[in-house]
C-alpha cells in the first residue's frame, strides 16, 4: 500500500475514534446540542477527508501518466461545509454552530497531528 494510502487509513481511524467519543458525549452528557454539532461537523469533515484523498490519488495517477487534472475538489469540500452550516441554521435548537465549525476543522487538525507525530517518531 503506498505511503499516501496508509496515511489516509491512519487519519480515518483517528476520525472514527473522535466520532465515537462525540457519540458517547452526546449520549451521556447534558450538552447534547454541542456534541451533536461536533458529530455533524466531524462527519462532514471525514467525508471531506475522503474526497481529498480520492482527488489526490487521481492527481497522482494523472501526473504519472503525464495528464492534467482540473482541480482537487475544493468546491465540493466548501459545499459540504456550507451544507453543515445550513443544517445548523435550520435546526438551531439541535445543533450548536461553533461546535459544527470546530467539527468541520477536525480532519485538518488530525492531518497536522499525524504529520507531526510521524516526523517526530521517524527521526528516532
Protein backbone atom coordinates (compact mmCIF):
# COMPACT_ATOMS: atom_id res chain seq x y z
CA UNK A 1 0.00 0.00 0.00
CA UNK A 2 1.50 3.37 -0.96
CA UNK A 3 2.53 5.75 1.81
CA UNK A 4 -0.34 8.09 0.99
CA UNK A 5 -2.93 5.35 1.40
CA UNK A 6 -1.51 4.25 4.76
CA UNK A 7 -1.57 7.86 5.92
CA UNK A 8 -5.23 8.15 4.91
CA UNK A 9 -6.09 4.91 6.72
CA UNK A 10 -4.39 6.18 9.91
CA UNK A 11 -6.20 9.50 9.73
CA UNK A 12 -9.54 7.79 9.07
CA UNK A 13 -9.07 5.61 12.15
CA UNK A 14 -8.42 8.70 14.26
CA UNK A 15 -11.52 10.38 12.87
CA UNK A 16 -13.67 7.35 13.75
CA UNK A 17 -12.19 7.33 17.26
CA UNK A 18 -13.04 11.01 17.71
CA UNK A 19 -16.54 10.43 16.35
CA UNK A 20 -17.11 7.59 18.80
CA UNK A 21 -16.02 9.87 21.65
CA UNK A 22 -18.51 12.51 20.48
CA UNK A 23 -21.32 9.94 20.30
CA UNK A 24 -20.58 8.90 23.87
CA UNK A 25 -20.62 12.56 24.89
CA UNK A 26 -23.95 13.05 23.16
CA UNK A 27 -25.44 10.02 24.85
CA UNK A 28 -24.17 10.53 28.37
CA UNK A 29 -23.97 14.29 28.98
CA UNK A 30 -26.43 17.15 29.18
CA UNK A 31 -24.63 19.02 26.38
CA UNK A 32 -26.36 17.19 23.55
CA UNK A 33 -26.52 20.12 21.10
CA UNK A 34 -22.78 20.70 21.41
CA UNK A 35 -21.91 17.04 20.81
CA UNK A 36 -24.47 16.75 18.01
CA UNK A 37 -22.83 19.75 16.34
CA UNK A 38 -19.44 18.11 16.73
CA UNK A 39 -20.82 14.88 15.25
CA UNK A 40 -22.29 16.71 12.24
CA UNK A 41 -19.16 18.74 11.60
CA UNK A 42 -16.77 15.83 12.09
CA UNK A 43 -18.85 13.52 9.89
CA UNK A 44 -18.71 16.01 7.04
CA UNK A 45 -15.04 16.60 7.80
CA UNK A 46 -14.45 12.85 7.39
CA UNK A 47 -16.32 13.00 4.09
CA UNK A 48 -14.11 15.92 3.04
CA UNK A 49 -11.01 13.94 4.02
CA UNK A 50 -12.19 11.04 1.88
CA UNK A 51 -12.88 13.40 -1.05
CA UNK A 52 -9.45 14.97 -0.71
CA UNK A 53 -7.73 11.57 -0.56
CA UNK A 54 -9.60 10.38 -3.63
CA UNK A 55 -8.75 13.53 -5.61
CA UNK A 56 -5.08 13.39 -4.59
CA UNK A 57 -4.93 9.74 -5.68
CA UNK A 58 -6.40 10.67 -9.08
CA UNK A 59 -3.99 13.61 -9.28
CA UNK A 60 -1.02 11.27 -8.66
CA UNK A 61 -2.21 8.83 -11.31
CA UNK A 62 -2.69 11.66 -13.81
CA UNK A 63 0.78 13.04 -13.05
CA UNK A 64 2.33 9.59 -13.54
CA UNK A 65 0.61 9.29 -16.92
CA UNK A 66 1.51 12.84 -17.95
CA UNK A 67 -2.09 14.05 -17.96
CA UNK A 68 -3.53 17.12 -16.29
CA UNK A 69 -6.33 17.21 -13.75
CA UNK A 70 -8.81 20.02 -13.48
CA UNK A 71 -8.95 20.61 -9.73
CA UNK A 72 -8.55 18.99 -6.34
CA UNK A 73 -12.22 19.36 -5.44
CA UNK A 74 -12.16 22.49 -3.32
CA UNK A 75 -15.68 23.44 -4.39
CA UNK A 76 -17.21 20.16 -3.25
CA UNK A 77 -15.49 20.44 0.14
CA UNK A 78 -16.73 24.01 0.54
CA UNK A 79 -20.22 22.93 -0.50
CA UNK A 80 -20.32 20.24 2.19
CA UNK A 81 -19.22 22.83 4.78
CA UNK A 82 -21.98 25.14 3.58
CA UNK A 83 -24.45 22.25 3.89
CA UNK A 84 -23.41 21.76 7.51
CA UNK A 85 -23.97 25.45 8.24
CA UNK A 86 -27.36 25.44 6.50
CA UNK A 87 -28.45 22.42 8.55
CA UNK A 88 -27.24 24.12 11.71
CA UNK A 89 -29.05 27.36 10.95
CA UNK A 90 -32.22 25.44 10.05
CA UNK A 91 -32.22 23.50 13.32
CA UNK A 92 -30.51 25.77 15.89
CA UNK A 93 -32.12 24.00 18.85
CA UNK A 94 -30.45 20.71 17.83
CA UNK A 95 -27.00 21.82 16.64
CA UNK A 96 -24.52 24.23 18.22
CA UNK A 97 -22.98 26.45 15.50
CA UNK A 98 -19.49 26.79 17.00
CA UNK A 99 -19.33 23.02 17.54
CA UNK A 100 -20.19 22.40 13.89
CA UNK A 101 -17.39 24.73 12.78
CA UNK A 102 -14.91 23.03 15.12
CA UNK A 103 -16.07 19.65 13.82
CA UNK A 104 -15.52 20.78 10.23
CA UNK A 105 -11.90 21.59 11.10
CA UNK A 106 -11.27 18.23 12.77
CA UNK A 107 -9.77 16.49 9.72
CA UNK A 108 -7.23 19.28 9.24
CA UNK A 109 -6.24 19.06 12.92
CA UNK A 110 -5.91 15.27 12.58
CA UNK A 111 -3.76 15.71 9.46
CA UNK A 112 -1.43 18.13 11.28
CA UNK A 113 -1.14 15.93 14.37
CA UNK A 114 -0.47 12.87 12.18
CA UNK A 115 2.23 14.80 10.30
CA UNK A 116 3.99 15.93 13.47
CA UNK A 117 3.73 12.50 15.08
CA UNK A 118 5.19 10.76 12.02
CA UNK A 119 8.04 13.26 11.75
CA UNK A 120 8.80 13.10 15.47
CA UNK A 121 8.84 9.31 15.67
CA UNK A 122 10.57 8.71 12.33
CA UNK A 123 13.63 10.74 13.42
CA UNK A 124 14.42 8.40 16.31
